[in-house]
Amino acid sequence: MPRLPLLLIGSGIIATLGNSALALPPPTEIPEEVLRTEVITEARSPIDNEPISAADYAALQERLRDPNTSTIVNPDIAQLIQLLEFRRVLKPILLFLP
């Protein structure tokens, strides 16, 4: 019968630890449901991190989401990317390329 007190103490510890997992978040934490419904009044551009208005941010998000819009890449950089892709294709064939 000496196991009974140990069993009672062990179950008490487990019950105490189990109740701490059910604790509520701190009252200063804003619930996720509230954060999802907040209106963005100040925004930053994801392209260059400049401050933009909420209307410009919404337009930019819509333009970035639509796959049929033109790209925002500088033409010189686009040409450099094409040349690098061309070089990558030719490198296995022409072994002397660095």
C-alpha atoms as a PDB file:
ATOM      1  CA  MET A   1       0.000   0.000   0.000  1.00  0.00           C
ATOM      2  CA  PRO A   2       2.909   2.513   0.038  1.00  0.00           C
ATOM      3  CA  ARG A   3       2.348   3.032  -3.671  1.00  0.00           C
ATOM      4  CA  LEU A   4      -0.998   4.747  -3.110  1.00  0.00           C
ATOM      5  CA  PRO A   5       0.473   8.020  -1.661  1.00  0.00           C
ATOM      6  CA  LEU A   6       3.011   8.169  -4.488  1.00  0.00           C
ATOM      7  CA  LEU A   7       0.252   7.610  -6.987  1.00  0.00           C
ATOM      8  CA  LEU A   8      -1.822  10.395  -5.455  1.00  0.00           C
ATOM      9  CA  ILE A   9       1.143  12.789  -5.427  1.00  0.00           C
ATOM     10  CA  GLY A  10       2.034  11.909  -9.019  1.00  0.00           C
ATOM     11  CA  SER A  11      -1.513  12.418 -10.248  1.00  0.00           C
ATOM     12  CA  GLY A  12      -1.665  15.747  -8.394  1.00  0.00           C
ATOM     13  CA  ILE A  13       1.511  16.928 -10.116  1.00  0.00           C
ATOM     14  CA  ILE A  14       0.199  15.845 -13.517  1.00  0.00           C
ATOM     15  CA  ALA A  15      -3.116  17.597 -12.884  1.00  0.00           C
ATOM     16  CA  THR A  16      -1.292  20.800 -11.878  1.00  0.00           C
ATOM     17  CA  LEU A  17       0.953  20.723 -14.949  1.00  0.00           C
ATOM     18  CA  GLY A  18      -1.986  19.897 -17.195  1.00  0.00           C
ATOM     19  CA  ASN A  19      -3.926  22.949 -15.997  1.00  0.00           C
ATOM     20  CA  SER A  20      -1.050  25.301 -16.822  1.00  0.00           C
ATOM     21  CA  ALA A  21      -1.280  24.268 -20.489  1.00  0.00           C
ATOM     22  CA  LEU A  22      -4.864  25.520 -20.590  1.00  0.00           C
ATOM     23  CA  ALA A  23      -3.903  29.022 -19.452  1.00  0.00           C
ATOM     24  CA  LEU A  24      -5.262  31.984 -21.376  1.00  0.00           C
ATOM     25  CA  PRO A  25      -2.948  34.328 -23.300  1.00  0.00           C
ATOM     26  CA  PRO A  26      -1.937  37.554 -21.587  1.00  0.00           C
ATOM     27  CA  PRO A  27      -4.573  40.309 -21.751  1.00  0.00           C
ATOM     28  CA  THR A  28      -2.188  42.604 -23.666  1.00  0.00           C
ATOM     29  CA  GLU A  29      -2.038  40.195 -26.622  1.00  0.00           C
ATOM     30  CA  ILE A  30      -4.364  41.161 -29.488  1.00  0.00           C
ATOM     31  CA  PRO A  31      -6.435  38.207 -30.768  1.00  0.00           C
ATOM     32  CA  GLU A  32      -5.750  37.019 -34.308  1.00  0.00           C
ATOM     33  CA  GLU A  33      -9.371  37.609 -35.309  1.00  0.00           C
ATOM     34  CA  VAL A  34      -8.980  41.309 -34.495  1.00  0.00           C
ATOM     35  CA  LEU A  35      -5.652  41.562 -36.316  1.00  0.00           C
ATOM     36  CA  ARG A  36      -7.156  40.077 -39.486  1.00  0.00           C
ATOM     37  CA  THR A  37      -9.892  42.720 -39.581  1.00  0.00           C
ATOM     38  CA  GLU A  38      -7.631  45.742 -39.039  1.00  0.00           C
ATOM     39  CA  VAL A  39      -7.469  48.216 -41.891  1.00  0.00           C
ATOM     40  CA  ILE A  40      -3.975  49.047 -43.129  1.00  0.00           C
ATOM     41  CA  THR A  41      -3.553  52.814 -43.235  1.00  0.00           C
ATOM     42  CA  GLU A  42       0.231  52.908 -43.529  1.00  0.00           C
ATOM     43  CA  ALA A  43       2.093  50.541 -45.776  1.00  0.00           C
ATOM     44  CA  ARG A  44       5.525  49.977 -47.258  1.00  0.00           C
ATOM     45  CA  SER A  45       6.233  48.823 -50.754  1.00  0.00           C
ATOM     46  CA  PRO A  46       7.504  45.225 -50.887  1.00  0.00           C
ATOM     47  CA  ILE A  47       9.686  46.219 -53.845  1.00  0.00           C
ATOM     48  CA  ASP A  48      11.762  49.092 -52.447  1.00  0.00           C
ATOM     49  CA  ASN A  49      10.432  49.441 -48.850  1.00  0.00           C
ATOM     50  CA  GLU A  50       9.283  53.012 -49.437  1.00  0.00           C
ATOM     51  CA  PRO A  51       6.186  54.280 -47.590  1.00  0.00           C
ATOM     52  CA  ILE A  52       3.084  54.311 -49.805  1.00  0.00           C
ATOM     53  CA  SER A  53      -0.584  55.054 -49.249  1.00  0.00           C
ATOM     54  CA  ALA A  54      -3.142  52.328 -48.585  1.00  0.00           C
ATOM     55  CA  ALA A  55      -4.698  52.774 -52.049  1.00  0.00           C
ATOM     56  CA  ASP A  56      -1.316  52.487 -53.769  1.00  0.00           C
ATOM     57  CA  TYR A  57      -0.514  49.416 -51.648  1.00  0.00           C
ATOM     58  CA  ALA A  58      -3.780  47.725 -52.648  1.00  0.00           C
ATOM     59  CA  ALA A  59      -3.132  48.522 -56.318  1.00  0.00           C
ATOM     60  CA  LEU A  60       0.416  47.182 -56.065  1.00  0.00           C
ATOM     61  CA  GLN A  61      -0.765  43.972 -54.391  1.00  0.00           C
ATOM     62  CA  GLU A  62      -3.359  43.461 -57.116  1.00  0.00           C
ATOM     63  CA  ARG A  63      -0.780  44.091 -59.837  1.00  0.00           C
ATOM     64  CA  LEU A  64       1.701  41.671 -58.249  1.00  0.00           C
ATOM     65  CA  ARG A  65      -1.020  39.038 -57.833  1.00  0.00           C
ATOM     66  CA  ASP A  66      -2.133  39.223 -61.494  1.00  0.00           C
ATOM     67  CA  PRO A  67       0.143  37.070 -63.701  1.00  0.00           C
ATOM     68  CA  ASN A  68      -0.861  38.908 -66.890  1.00  0.00           C
ATOM     69  CA  THR A  69       0.813  42.183 -65.935  1.00  0.00           C
ATOM     70  CA  SER A  70       4.176  43.277 -67.240  1.00  0.00           C
ATOM     71  CA  THR A  71       7.238  42.675 -65.123  1.00  0.00           C
ATOM     72  CA  ILE A  72       8.756  45.359 -62.927  1.00  0.00           C
ATOM     73  CA  VAL A  73      12.375  44.382 -63.700  1.00  0.00           C
ATOM     74  CA  ASN A  74      14.776  46.889 -65.215  1.00  0.00           C
ATOM     75  CA  PRO A  75      15.352  46.007 -68.920  1.00  0.00           C
ATOM     76  CA  ASP A  76      19.147  45.910 -68.414  1.00  0.00           C
ATOM     77  CA  ILE A  77      18.771  43.402 -65.588  1.00  0.00           C
ATOM     78  CA  ALA A  78      16.291  41.355 -67.639  1.00  0.00           C
ATOM     79  CA  GLN A  79      18.806  41.172 -70.485  1.00  0.00           C
ATOM     80  CA  LEU A  80      21.566  40.124 -68.068  1.00  0.00           C
ATOM     81  CA  ILE A  81      19.328  37.345 -66.694  1.00  0.00           C
ATOM     82  CA  GLN A  82      18.650  36.096 -70.230  1.00  0.00           C
ATOM     83  CA  LEU A  83      22.363  36.074 -71.032  1.00  0.00           C
ATOM     84  CA  LEU A  84      23.135  34.142 -67.835  1.00  0.00           C
ATOM     85  CA  GLU A  85      20.445  31.584 -68.655  1.00  0.00           C
ATOM     86  CA  PHE A  86      21.847  31.246 -72.190  1.00  0.00           C
ATOM     87  CA  ARG A  87      25.341  30.747 -70.749  1.00  0.00           C
ATOM     88  CA  ARG A  88      24.027  28.061 -68.387  1.00  0.00           C
ATOM     89  CA  VAL A  89      22.551  26.179 -71.366  1.00  0.00           C
ATOM     90  CA  LEU A  90      25.764  26.427 -73.398  1.00  0.00           C
ATOM     91  CA  LYS A  91      28.185  25.560 -70.589  1.00  0.00           C
ATOM     92  CA  PRO A  92      27.756  21.749 -70.746  1.00  0.00           C
ATOM     93  CA  ILE A  93      28.291  21.853 -74.508  1.00  0.00           C
ATOM     94  CA  LEU A  94      31.198  24.307 -74.614  1.00  0.00           C
ATOM     95  CA  LEU A  95      33.500  23.125 -71.860  1.00  0.00           C
ATOM     96  CA  PHE A  96      35.926  26.030 -72.148  1.00  0.00           C
ATOM     97  CA  LEU A  97      33.389  28.560 -70.793  1.00  0.00           C
ATOM     98  CA  PRO A  98      34.345  29.729 -67.294  1.00  0.00           C
END
